Protein backbone atom coordinates (compact mmCIF):
# COMPACT_ATOMS: atom_id res chain seq x y z
CA MET A 1 -49.04 -95.20 59.39
CA ARG A 2 -50.46 -94.05 55.65
CA VAL A 3 -50.60 -96.86 53.23
CA VAL A 4 -51.26 -96.19 49.38
CA VAL A 5 -52.45 -98.95 47.40
CA ILE A 6 -52.45 -97.91 43.76
CA ASP A 7 -54.27 -100.52 41.13
CA GLY A 8 -55.89 -100.68 37.94
CA GLN A 9 -57.62 -102.84 35.59
CA SER A 10 -60.26 -105.13 37.83
CA GLY A 11 -58.52 -104.01 41.11
CA ARG A 12 -58.08 -107.68 41.99
CA MET A 13 -54.76 -107.31 43.28
CA GLY A 14 -55.27 -104.39 45.42
CA GLN A 15 -58.44 -106.10 46.49
CA LEU A 16 -56.74 -109.15 47.86
CA PHE A 17 -53.75 -107.24 49.26
CA ILE A 18 -56.20 -104.87 51.34
CA GLU A 19 -58.10 -107.87 52.49
CA ARG A 20 -55.02 -109.89 53.66
CA ALA A 21 -53.72 -106.51 55.52
CA LYS A 22 -57.09 -105.95 57.39
CA ALA A 23 -57.03 -109.56 58.40
CA ALA A 24 -53.80 -108.92 59.55
CA ALA A 25 -54.99 -105.93 61.90
CA LEU A 26 -51.67 -104.06 60.93
CA PRO A 27 -51.52 -100.73 62.38
CA CYS A 28 -51.92 -98.61 59.28
CA GLU A 29 -54.72 -96.38 57.17
CA ILE A 30 -55.22 -97.84 53.94
CA VAL A 31 -56.44 -95.44 51.10
CA ALA A 32 -57.17 -96.74 47.54
CA VAL A 33 -56.37 -95.29 44.63
CA GLY A 34 -57.60 -96.99 41.51
CA THR A 35 -56.66 -96.06 38.01
CA ASN A 36 -60.74 -96.67 36.99
CA GLY A 37 -63.79 -96.91 38.93
CA ILE A 38 -63.85 -100.61 39.17
CA ALA A 39 -60.40 -100.79 40.74
CA THR A 40 -61.21 -98.32 43.23
CA SER A 41 -64.55 -100.01 44.00
CA ALA A 42 -63.31 -103.57 44.56
CA MET A 43 -60.43 -101.95 47.02
CA LEU A 44 -63.07 -100.30 48.95
CA LYS A 45 -65.20 -103.41 49.05
CA ALA A 46 -61.89 -104.94 50.59
CA GLY A 47 -61.96 -102.39 53.44
CA ALA A 48 -59.88 -99.36 52.63
CA GLU A 49 -60.64 -96.38 54.82
CA ALA A 50 -61.17 -94.40 51.73
CA GLY A 51 -60.59 -94.21 47.88
CA ALA A 52 -60.20 -92.14 44.94
CA THR A 53 -60.05 -92.57 41.31
CA GLY A 54 -57.65 -90.97 38.25
CA GLU A 55 -54.45 -89.37 37.61
CA ASN A 56 -54.91 -86.27 40.04
CA PRO A 57 -55.80 -88.76 43.31
CA VAL A 58 -52.66 -90.91 42.49
CA LEU A 59 -50.75 -87.48 42.13
CA VAL A 60 -52.02 -86.38 45.72
CA ALA A 61 -51.91 -89.62 47.63
CA CYS A 62 -48.28 -90.25 46.94
CA ARG A 63 -47.03 -87.08 48.65
CA THR A 64 -48.70 -88.20 51.93
CA ALA A 65 -47.92 -91.93 51.66
CA ASP A 66 -45.48 -93.74 54.00
CA VAL A 67 -45.93 -96.81 51.90
CA ILE A 68 -47.38 -97.28 48.31
CA VAL A 69 -48.32 -100.70 47.33
CA GLY A 70 -48.97 -101.68 43.74
CA PRO A 71 -47.89 -104.01 40.83
CA ILE A 72 -44.61 -103.44 39.42
CA GLY A 73 -46.47 -101.91 36.50
CA ILE A 74 -47.31 -98.31 38.41
CA LEU A 75 -43.32 -97.41 37.99
CA ALA A 76 -43.64 -97.54 34.02
CA ALA A 77 -45.60 -95.14 32.00
CA ASP A 78 -48.47 -96.45 29.68
CA SER A 79 -48.42 -99.77 31.68
CA LEU A 80 -51.46 -101.67 32.94
CA MET A 81 -52.89 -101.63 29.50
CA GLY A 82 -52.40 -97.89 29.16
CA GLU A 83 -53.92 -96.89 32.57
CA ILE A 84 -50.64 -95.55 34.09
CA THR A 85 -49.71 -92.39 32.86
CA PRO A 86 -46.35 -90.72 32.66
CA ALA A 87 -47.35 -88.29 35.40
CA MET A 88 -48.36 -91.30 37.68
CA ALA A 89 -45.40 -92.81 37.10
CA VAL A 90 -43.15 -89.74 38.23
CA ALA A 91 -45.04 -89.23 41.01
CA ILE A 92 -44.92 -92.40 42.35
CA GLY A 93 -41.43 -93.13 41.57
CA GLN A 94 -40.40 -89.51 43.18
CA SER A 95 -42.53 -90.01 46.17
CA ALA A 96 -40.40 -90.32 49.36
CA ALA A 97 -42.55 -93.58 50.56
CA LYS A 98 -41.37 -96.97 50.71
CA LYS A 99 -42.68 -99.03 47.75
CA LEU A 100 -43.96 -102.38 48.25
CA LEU A 101 -44.29 -103.51 44.65
CA LEU A 102 -45.81 -106.95 43.42
CA PRO A 103 -43.50 -108.51 40.91
CA VAL A 104 -46.33 -109.65 38.38
CA ASN A 105 -45.10 -110.73 35.01
CA HIS A 106 -47.25 -109.21 32.69
CA CYS A 107 -48.19 -106.32 30.45
CA ASN A 108 -44.67 -106.38 28.97
CA ASN A 109 -42.90 -105.75 32.52
CA LEU A 110 -40.49 -108.82 33.06
CA VAL A 111 -39.04 -109.12 36.25
CA ALA A 112 -35.88 -111.57 36.42
CA GLY A 113 -34.79 -113.61 39.75
CA ILE A 114 -38.57 -114.08 40.96
CA GLN A 115 -40.39 -117.15 41.36
CA PRO A 116 -43.69 -117.69 39.80
CA LEU A 117 -45.95 -117.41 42.75
CA SER A 118 -49.84 -117.59 42.99
CA LEU A 119 -51.77 -114.58 43.40
CA SER A 120 -52.94 -115.72 47.24
CA ARG A 121 -48.96 -116.40 48.14
CA LEU A 122 -47.80 -113.33 46.48
CA MET A 123 -50.18 -111.56 48.55
CA GLU A 124 -49.00 -113.36 51.87
CA GLU A 125 -45.53 -112.45 51.17
CA ALA A 126 -46.63 -108.77 50.54
CA VAL A 127 -48.72 -108.42 53.65
CA GLU A 128 -45.36 -109.97 55.73
CA LEU A 129 -43.41 -107.77 54.16
CA LEU A 130 -45.93 -104.62 55.34
CA ALA A 131 -45.88 -105.81 58.75
CA THR A 132 -42.27 -105.28 59.11
CA LEU A 133 -42.47 -101.80 58.26
CA CYS A 134 -45.33 -100.97 60.84
CA PRO A 135 -44.28 -99.05 64.01
């Protein structure tokens, strides 16, 4: 199973997710796609098998992903302080991949009905959910 992790800004969310997924030894290939070089670097250091940076890598990775992981803002153009382009949001939204979205209430994206969780607890729940998707 091919898991594409998309993150921007510092890449901290993607980095934590990849570290936790690797520790869980899930049977999947993890590809990191950062909206900037810092995010990509952080996710590669966390153990992603491959990584790339920018709009075109997001568009390409979404074509072959089985699961896309990232903050909920990856579905909204101009979110992550403008790092998500309209083309990225469309490619992610139109991808046939399952989307494992991290409900982070910032950058003008507010999600009703969620409990505020620490980043650590959020990653635990996300990896547990990914485990249910693995064959």
